[in-house]
Amino acid sequence: MKRTNSYYPSFSNFFDNFFGNDLMDWSNMNFSNTNTTLPAVNVKETDEAYEIEVAAPGMEKKDFRINLDNDVLTISSERKNEKEEKTGKYSRKEFSYQSFQRSFTVPNNVVDGNEIKAKYNDGILTISLPKKEEAKPRPPKEIKIS
């Protein structure tokens, strides 16, 4: 069931447009073009905000970058590891590189871009996108007849 709001026409399509085609293309099964895995993303709506949860265990908060450019929220991460082991006259050097980038369209008439906050805890990056006052649901109001 789609939610509609005649005051904010883009609001009804918020979740449809929030993700973009890659998430809805099930043939990708959450893999990028380079066959590396992309973190799972959940989007929740409350009366006050939208919350994006990104499953990224083993990362640190310094590994993430979050940018809002016009109406596009971009979450990216880059992590490089280098490990070297020396045993006698043999040495082994291993490199690993992990990165991802996800972008979401965020309608500026619904979300207050100046109040977006993020935290990383127990392998989950949580980004809170507060709604503007005019986009929050209002309680029903009885209109008196004169």
N, C-alpha and C. Protein backbone atom coordinates (compact mmCIF):
# COMPACT_ATOMS: atom_id res chain seq x y z
N MET A 1 0.85 -1.18 0.00
CA MET A 1 0.00 0.00 0.00
C MET A 1 0.89 1.23 0.00
N LYS A 2 0.68 2.11 -0.95
CA LYS A 2 1.47 3.33 -1.03
C LYS A 2 0.83 4.42 -0.21
N ARG A 3 1.67 5.17 0.42
CA ARG A 3 1.22 6.29 1.22
C ARG A 3 1.24 7.53 0.35
N THR A 4 0.20 8.30 0.38
CA THR A 4 0.17 9.52 -0.44
C THR A 4 -0.05 10.72 0.45
N ASN A 5 0.43 11.83 -0.03
CA ASN A 5 0.30 13.08 0.69
C ASN A 5 0.21 14.17 -0.36
N SER A 6 -0.95 14.78 -0.53
CA SER A 6 -1.15 15.75 -1.60
C SER A 6 -0.32 17.02 -1.41
N TYR A 7 0.11 17.31 -0.19
CA TYR A 7 0.91 18.50 0.05
C TYR A 7 2.35 18.30 -0.39
N TYR A 8 2.82 17.08 -0.38
CA TYR A 8 4.19 16.76 -0.74
C TYR A 8 4.16 15.62 -1.76
N PRO A 9 3.98 15.93 -3.04
CA PRO A 9 3.82 14.87 -4.03
C PRO A 9 5.02 13.93 -4.07
N SER A 10 6.22 14.41 -3.82
CA SER A 10 7.38 13.53 -3.88
C SER A 10 7.44 12.59 -2.67
N PHE A 11 6.68 12.92 -1.62
CA PHE A 11 6.70 12.10 -0.41
C PHE A 11 6.16 10.70 -0.67
N SER A 12 5.15 10.57 -1.50
CA SER A 12 4.57 9.25 -1.77
C SER A 12 5.57 8.34 -2.46
N ASN A 13 6.49 8.91 -3.20
CA ASN A 13 7.49 8.11 -3.90
C ASN A 13 8.83 8.11 -3.18
N PHE A 14 8.85 8.59 -1.96
CA PHE A 14 10.12 8.73 -1.23
C PHE A 14 10.88 7.42 -1.18
N PHE A 15 10.23 6.35 -0.73
CA PHE A 15 10.93 5.07 -0.62
C PHE A 15 11.24 4.49 -2.00
N ASP A 16 10.35 4.70 -2.97
CA ASP A 16 10.61 4.20 -4.31
C ASP A 16 11.87 4.84 -4.88
N ASN A 17 12.01 6.14 -4.70
CA ASN A 17 13.16 6.85 -5.25
C ASN A 17 14.36 6.81 -4.34
N PHE A 18 14.13 6.52 -3.05
CA PHE A 18 15.20 6.57 -2.06
C PHE A 18 16.30 5.58 -2.42
N PHE A 19 15.90 4.44 -2.94
CA PHE A 19 16.87 3.40 -3.20
C PHE A 19 17.48 3.49 -4.58
N GLY A 20 16.84 3.64 -5.64
CA GLY A 20 17.47 3.57 -6.94
C GLY A 20 17.41 2.14 -7.45
N ASN A 21 17.81 1.94 -8.66
CA ASN A 21 17.59 0.67 -9.34
C ASN A 21 18.44 -0.47 -8.83
N ASP A 22 19.65 -0.23 -8.36
CA ASP A 22 20.52 -1.34 -7.97
C ASP A 22 19.93 -2.20 -6.87
N LEU A 23 19.28 -1.59 -5.89
CA LEU A 23 18.73 -2.38 -4.79
C LEU A 23 17.57 -3.23 -5.26
N MET A 24 16.78 -2.72 -6.17
CA MET A 24 15.62 -3.45 -6.62
C MET A 24 15.93 -4.45 -7.73
N ASP A 25 17.15 -4.43 -8.26
CA ASP A 25 17.55 -5.40 -9.28
C ASP A 25 18.04 -6.65 -8.57
N TRP A 26 17.14 -7.62 -8.39
CA TRP A 26 17.45 -8.81 -7.61
C TRP A 26 18.48 -9.69 -8.29
N SER A 27 18.77 -9.47 -9.56
CA SER A 27 19.80 -10.27 -10.21
C SER A 27 21.18 -9.96 -9.64
N ASN A 28 21.34 -8.76 -9.11
CA ASN A 28 22.62 -8.40 -8.47
C ASN A 28 22.80 -9.07 -7.13
N MET A 29 21.71 -9.40 -6.45
CA MET A 29 21.74 -10.04 -5.13
C MET A 29 22.74 -9.37 -4.18
N ASN A 30 22.73 -8.06 -4.15
CA ASN A 30 23.56 -7.29 -3.22
C ASN A 30 25.06 -7.37 -3.53
N PHE A 31 25.41 -7.55 -4.78
CA PHE A 31 26.81 -7.53 -5.20
C PHE A 31 27.02 -6.34 -6.11
N SER A 32 28.22 -5.78 -6.08
CA SER A 32 28.53 -4.67 -6.96
C SER A 32 29.00 -5.21 -8.30
N ASN A 33 29.30 -4.32 -9.23
CA ASN A 33 29.76 -4.74 -10.55
C ASN A 33 31.09 -5.48 -10.49
N THR A 34 31.85 -5.29 -9.43
CA THR A 34 33.14 -5.95 -9.31
C THR A 34 33.05 -7.23 -8.49
N ASN A 35 31.84 -7.75 -8.29
CA ASN A 35 31.59 -8.97 -7.53
C ASN A 35 32.04 -8.89 -6.07
N THR A 36 32.10 -7.71 -5.52
CA THR A 36 32.35 -7.56 -4.09
C THR A 36 31.01 -7.31 -3.43
N THR A 37 30.88 -7.69 -2.18
CA THR A 37 29.59 -7.54 -1.52
C THR A 37 29.35 -6.09 -1.11
N LEU A 38 28.11 -5.70 -1.17
CA LEU A 38 27.68 -4.40 -0.67
C LEU A 38 26.99 -4.62 0.66
N PRO A 39 27.16 -3.72 1.62
CA PRO A 39 26.49 -3.91 2.90
C PRO A 39 24.98 -3.80 2.75
N ALA A 40 24.28 -4.59 3.55
CA ALA A 40 22.82 -4.53 3.56
C ALA A 40 22.38 -3.20 4.17
N VAL A 41 21.29 -2.65 3.65
CA VAL A 41 20.78 -1.36 4.10
C VAL A 41 19.31 -1.50 4.46
N ASN A 42 18.93 -0.99 5.63
CA ASN A 42 17.54 -0.91 6.05
C ASN A 42 17.16 0.56 6.15
N VAL A 43 15.92 0.88 5.77
CA VAL A 43 15.41 2.24 5.94
C VAL A 43 14.14 2.14 6.77
N LYS A 44 14.10 2.91 7.86
CA LYS A 44 12.93 2.94 8.73
C LYS A 44 12.39 4.36 8.77
N GLU A 45 11.06 4.46 8.86
CA GLU A 45 10.42 5.76 9.01
C GLU A 45 9.74 5.83 10.36
N THR A 46 9.96 6.95 11.06
CA THR A 46 9.21 7.26 12.27
C THR A 46 8.49 8.57 12.01
N ASP A 47 7.71 9.02 12.98
CA ASP A 47 7.04 10.32 12.82
C ASP A 47 8.05 11.46 12.74
N GLU A 48 9.21 11.28 13.36
CA GLU A 48 10.20 12.35 13.46
C GLU A 48 11.30 12.31 12.40
N ALA A 49 11.61 11.12 11.87
CA ALA A 49 12.79 11.02 11.00
C ALA A 49 12.75 9.74 10.17
N TYR A 50 13.69 9.68 9.24
CA TYR A 50 14.01 8.44 8.54
C TYR A 50 15.34 7.97 9.11
N GLU A 51 15.50 6.67 9.24
CA GLU A 51 16.77 6.12 9.70
C GLU A 51 17.28 5.13 8.69
N ILE A 52 18.54 5.28 8.33
CA ILE A 52 19.21 4.34 7.45
C ILE A 52 20.18 3.55 8.30
N GLU A 53 20.10 2.23 8.22
CA GLU A 53 21.02 1.35 8.94
C GLU A 53 21.84 0.60 7.89
N VAL A 54 23.16 0.67 8.03
CA VAL A 54 24.07 0.00 7.11
C VAL A 54 24.82 -1.06 7.92
N ALA A 55 24.70 -2.33 7.51
CA ALA A 55 25.41 -3.41 8.20
C ALA A 55 26.84 -3.45 7.68
N ALA A 56 27.79 -3.09 8.54
CA ALA A 56 29.20 -3.04 8.15
C ALA A 56 30.08 -3.51 9.31
N PRO A 57 29.98 -4.79 9.68
CA PRO A 57 30.78 -5.28 10.80
C PRO A 57 32.27 -5.28 10.48
N GLY A 58 33.06 -5.11 11.53
CA GLY A 58 34.51 -5.13 11.37
C GLY A 58 35.11 -3.81 10.92
N MET A 59 34.28 -2.82 10.69
CA MET A 59 34.77 -1.51 10.25
C MET A 59 34.94 -0.63 11.50
N GLU A 60 35.50 0.53 11.28
CA GLU A 60 35.61 1.54 12.32
C GLU A 60 34.97 2.81 11.78
N LYS A 61 34.55 3.70 12.69
CA LYS A 61 33.85 4.89 12.22
C LYS A 61 34.73 5.76 11.32
N LYS A 62 36.03 5.69 11.49
CA LYS A 62 36.93 6.48 10.65
C LYS A 62 36.97 5.96 9.21
N ASP A 63 36.46 4.75 8.97
CA ASP A 63 36.45 4.16 7.63
C ASP A 63 35.33 4.72 6.75
N PHE A 64 34.35 5.43 7.33
CA PHE A 64 33.18 5.88 6.59
C PHE A 64 33.27 7.35 6.21
N ARG A 65 32.63 7.68 5.11
CA ARG A 65 32.41 9.07 4.69
C ARG A 65 30.93 9.19 4.34
N ILE A 66 30.30 10.25 4.84
CA ILE A 66 28.89 10.51 4.53
C ILE A 66 28.81 11.95 4.04
N ASN A 67 28.27 12.12 2.84
CA ASN A 67 28.16 13.45 2.24
C ASN A 67 26.73 13.70 1.76
N LEU A 68 26.29 14.93 1.91
CA LEU A 68 25.02 15.36 1.34
C LEU A 68 25.34 16.45 0.34
N ASP A 69 25.11 16.17 -0.93
CA ASP A 69 25.37 17.14 -2.00
C ASP A 69 24.06 17.36 -2.74
N ASN A 70 23.52 18.56 -2.59
CA ASN A 70 22.18 18.88 -3.07
C ASN A 70 21.21 17.88 -2.46
N ASP A 71 20.56 17.04 -3.24
CA ASP A 71 19.58 16.09 -2.69
C ASP A 71 20.10 14.66 -2.70
N VAL A 72 21.41 14.48 -2.78
CA VAL A 72 21.98 13.14 -2.84
C VAL A 72 22.84 12.87 -1.60
N LEU A 73 22.43 11.85 -0.83
CA LEU A 73 23.18 11.41 0.33
C LEU A 73 24.06 10.24 -0.12
N THR A 74 25.36 10.36 0.08
CA THR A 74 26.29 9.32 -0.33
C THR A 74 27.01 8.77 0.88
N ILE A 75 26.96 7.45 1.03
CA ILE A 75 27.66 6.75 2.10
C ILE A 75 28.75 5.94 1.43
N SER A 76 29.99 6.14 1.86
CA SER A 76 31.08 5.39 1.26
C SER A 76 32.05 4.95 2.35
N SER A 77 32.83 3.96 2.00
CA SER A 77 33.83 3.44 2.92
C SER A 77 35.02 2.94 2.13
N GLU A 78 36.18 3.13 2.70
CA GLU A 78 37.41 2.63 2.09
C GLU A 78 38.31 2.15 3.20
N ARG A 79 38.79 0.93 3.04
CA ARG A 79 39.64 0.36 4.08
C ARG A 79 40.75 -0.44 3.42
N LYS A 80 41.98 -0.15 3.82
CA LYS A 80 43.15 -0.85 3.28
C LYS A 80 43.87 -1.54 4.42
N ASN A 81 44.24 -2.79 4.21
CA ASN A 81 45.01 -3.53 5.20
C ASN A 81 46.25 -4.10 4.54
N GLU A 82 47.33 -4.06 5.28
CA GLU A 82 48.57 -4.64 4.79
C GLU A 82 49.18 -5.43 5.94
N LYS A 83 49.49 -6.67 5.69
CA LYS A 83 50.02 -7.54 6.74
C LYS A 83 51.27 -8.23 6.21
N GLU A 84 52.34 -8.21 7.00
CA GLU A 84 53.59 -8.85 6.57
C GLU A 84 54.06 -9.80 7.66
N GLU A 85 54.43 -11.01 7.26
CA GLU A 85 54.96 -12.00 8.18
C GLU A 85 56.33 -12.44 7.69
N LYS A 86 57.29 -12.48 8.59
CA LYS A 86 58.63 -12.95 8.24
C LYS A 86 58.97 -14.15 9.10
N THR A 87 59.37 -15.22 8.45
CA THR A 87 59.80 -16.43 9.14
C THR A 87 61.12 -16.87 8.53
N GLY A 88 62.18 -16.68 9.28
CA GLY A 88 63.50 -17.04 8.75
C GLY A 88 63.79 -16.25 7.49
N LYS A 89 64.10 -16.96 6.41
CA LYS A 89 64.40 -16.26 5.16
C LYS A 89 63.18 -16.10 4.26
N TYR A 90 62.01 -16.49 4.74
CA TYR A 90 60.77 -16.35 3.96
C TYR A 90 59.95 -15.18 4.51
N SER A 91 59.30 -14.49 3.62
CA SER A 91 58.37 -13.45 4.05
C SER A 91 57.10 -13.54 3.22
N ARG A 92 56.01 -13.18 3.85
CA ARG A 92 54.71 -13.18 3.18
C ARG A 92 54.05 -11.83 3.45
N LYS A 93 53.62 -11.18 2.38
CA LYS A 93 52.98 -9.87 2.50
C LYS A 93 51.60 -9.98 1.86
N GLU A 94 50.57 -9.62 2.62
CA GLU A 94 49.20 -9.68 2.13
C GLU A 94 48.60 -8.29 2.14
N PHE A 95 47.86 -7.99 1.09
CA PHE A 95 47.15 -6.73 0.97
C PHE A 95 45.67 -7.03 0.86
N SER A 96 44.86 -6.20 1.45
CA SER A 96 43.42 -6.30 1.22
C SER A 96 42.87 -4.89 1.11
N TYR A 97 41.86 -4.78 0.31
CA TYR A 97 41.26 -3.48 0.05
C TYR A 97 39.76 -3.67 -0.03
N GLN A 98 39.02 -2.91 0.76
CA GLN A 98 37.57 -2.98 0.75
C GLN A 98 37.02 -1.58 0.55
N SER A 99 36.03 -1.47 -0.32
CA SER A 99 35.38 -0.17 -0.48
C SER A 99 33.96 -0.40 -0.99
N PHE A 100 33.10 0.56 -0.69
CA PHE A 100 31.76 0.57 -1.24
C PHE A 100 31.26 2.00 -1.27
N GLN A 101 30.24 2.22 -2.06
CA GLN A 101 29.58 3.52 -2.10
C GLN A 101 28.12 3.30 -2.44
N ARG A 102 27.25 3.91 -1.66
CA ARG A 102 25.80 3.85 -1.89
C ARG A 102 25.29 5.29 -1.88
N SER A 103 24.43 5.62 -2.82
CA SER A 103 23.86 6.96 -2.90
C SER A 103 22.34 6.87 -2.89
N PHE A 104 21.72 7.84 -2.21
CA PHE A 104 20.27 7.88 -2.07
C PHE A 104 19.79 9.30 -2.36
N THR A 105 18.69 9.42 -3.07
CA THR A 105 18.08 10.73 -3.30
C THR A 105 17.21 11.07 -2.10
N VAL A 106 17.44 12.24 -1.52
CA VAL A 106 16.72 12.67 -0.33
C VAL A 106 16.00 13.97 -0.67
N PRO A 107 14.67 13.96 -0.73
CA PRO A 107 13.94 15.18 -1.08
C PRO A 107 14.13 16.26 -0.03
N ASN A 108 14.60 17.42 -0.45
CA ASN A 108 14.88 18.50 0.51
C ASN A 108 13.62 19.12 1.09
N ASN A 109 12.45 18.84 0.50
CA ASN A 109 11.22 19.39 1.09
C ASN A 109 10.69 18.50 2.22
N VAL A 110 11.33 17.36 2.46
CA VAL A 110 10.91 16.43 3.51
C VAL A 110 11.96 16.32 4.62
N VAL A 111 13.23 16.27 4.26
CA VAL A 111 14.32 16.03 5.21
C VAL A 111 15.08 17.32 5.49
N ASP A 112 15.41 17.54 6.77
CA ASP A 112 16.21 18.70 7.19
C ASP A 112 17.68 18.32 7.09
N GLY A 113 18.31 18.68 5.98
CA GLY A 113 19.70 18.32 5.71
C GLY A 113 20.70 18.85 6.72
N ASN A 114 20.37 19.93 7.41
CA ASN A 114 21.29 20.51 8.40
C ASN A 114 21.33 19.73 9.70
N GLU A 115 20.39 18.83 9.91
CA GLU A 115 20.31 18.10 11.18
C GLU A 115 20.62 16.60 11.05
N ILE A 116 21.15 16.16 9.92
CA ILE A 116 21.47 14.75 9.73
C ILE A 116 22.60 14.36 10.69
N LYS A 117 22.42 13.21 11.35
CA LYS A 117 23.42 12.72 12.30
C LYS A 117 23.73 11.26 12.00
N ALA A 118 24.95 10.83 12.36
CA ALA A 118 25.35 9.44 12.13
C ALA A 118 26.12 8.92 13.32
N LYS A 119 25.97 7.59 13.55
CA LYS A 119 26.75 6.93 14.60
C LYS A 119 27.07 5.51 14.14
N TYR A 120 28.15 4.98 14.65
CA TYR A 120 28.56 3.61 14.32
C TYR A 120 28.71 2.85 15.62
N ASN A 121 27.94 1.74 15.76
CA ASN A 121 27.95 0.98 16.99
C ASN A 121 27.68 -0.49 16.67
N ASP A 122 28.51 -1.38 17.20
CA ASP A 122 28.33 -2.83 17.06
C ASP A 122 28.13 -3.27 15.61
N GLY A 123 28.92 -2.71 14.69
CA GLY A 123 28.86 -3.13 13.29
C GLY A 123 27.75 -2.52 12.47
N ILE A 124 26.98 -1.59 13.05
CA ILE A 124 25.87 -0.95 12.34
C ILE A 124 26.11 0.56 12.28
N LEU A 125 26.16 1.09 11.06
CA LEU A 125 26.20 2.53 10.85
C LEU A 125 24.76 3.01 10.76
N THR A 126 24.36 3.92 11.64
CA THR A 126 22.99 4.43 11.66
C THR A 126 23.02 5.91 11.32
N ILE A 127 22.25 6.29 10.31
CA ILE A 127 22.16 7.68 9.88
C ILE A 127 20.72 8.13 10.10
N SER A 128 20.55 9.21 10.85
CA SER A 128 19.23 9.74 11.15
C SER A 128 19.00 10.99 10.29
N LEU A 129 17.92 10.98 9.52
CA LEU A 129 17.55 12.10 8.66
C LEU A 129 16.25 12.69 9.20
N PRO A 130 16.34 13.72 10.05
CA PRO A 130 15.14 14.30 10.65
C PRO A 130 14.22 14.94 9.61
N LYS A 131 12.93 14.78 9.82
CA LYS A 131 11.95 15.39 8.93
C LYS A 131 11.81 16.88 9.27
N LYS A 132 11.52 17.67 8.26
CA LYS A 132 11.18 19.07 8.50
C LYS A 132 9.84 19.11 9.20
N GLU A 133 9.61 20.14 9.98
CA GLU A 133 8.36 20.27 10.74
C GLU A 133 7.14 20.14 9.84
N GLU A 134 7.19 20.77 8.68
CA GLU A 134 6.02 20.74 7.80
C GLU A 134 5.77 19.37 7.18
N ALA A 135 6.74 18.46 7.25
CA ALA A 135 6.58 17.11 6.69
C ALA A 135 6.13 16.09 7.74
N LYS A 136 6.17 16.48 9.01
CA LYS A 136 5.78 15.55 10.08
C LYS A 136 4.26 15.40 10.11
N PRO A 137 3.77 14.20 10.45
CA PRO A 137 2.33 14.01 10.53
C PRO A 137 1.72 14.86 11.64
N ARG A 138 0.54 15.33 11.38
CA ARG A 138 -0.17 16.14 12.38
C ARG A 138 -1.34 15.34 12.92
N PRO A 139 -1.70 15.56 14.18
CA PRO A 139 -2.86 14.86 14.72
C PRO A 139 -4.14 15.35 14.05
N PRO A 140 -5.16 14.51 14.06
CA PRO A 140 -6.43 14.96 13.46
C PRO A 140 -6.95 16.19 14.18
N LYS A 141 -7.61 17.04 13.44
CA LYS A 141 -8.14 18.28 13.99
C LYS A 141 -9.63 18.35 13.65
N GLU A 142 -10.42 18.62 14.66
CA GLU A 142 -11.85 18.76 14.43
C GLU A 142 -12.14 20.19 14.03
N ILE A 143 -12.91 20.34 12.99
CA ILE A 143 -13.28 21.66 12.50
C ILE A 143 -14.70 21.96 12.98
N LYS A 144 -14.85 23.06 13.69
CA LYS A 144 -16.18 23.46 14.21
C LYS A 144 -16.97 24.14 13.10
N ILE A 145 -18.23 23.86 13.11
CA ILE A 145 -19.13 24.46 12.12
C ILE A 145 -19.73 25.72 12.73
N SER A 146 -19.66 26.82 11.98
CA SER A 146 -20.20 28.08 12.52
C SER A 146 -21.61 28.32 12.07
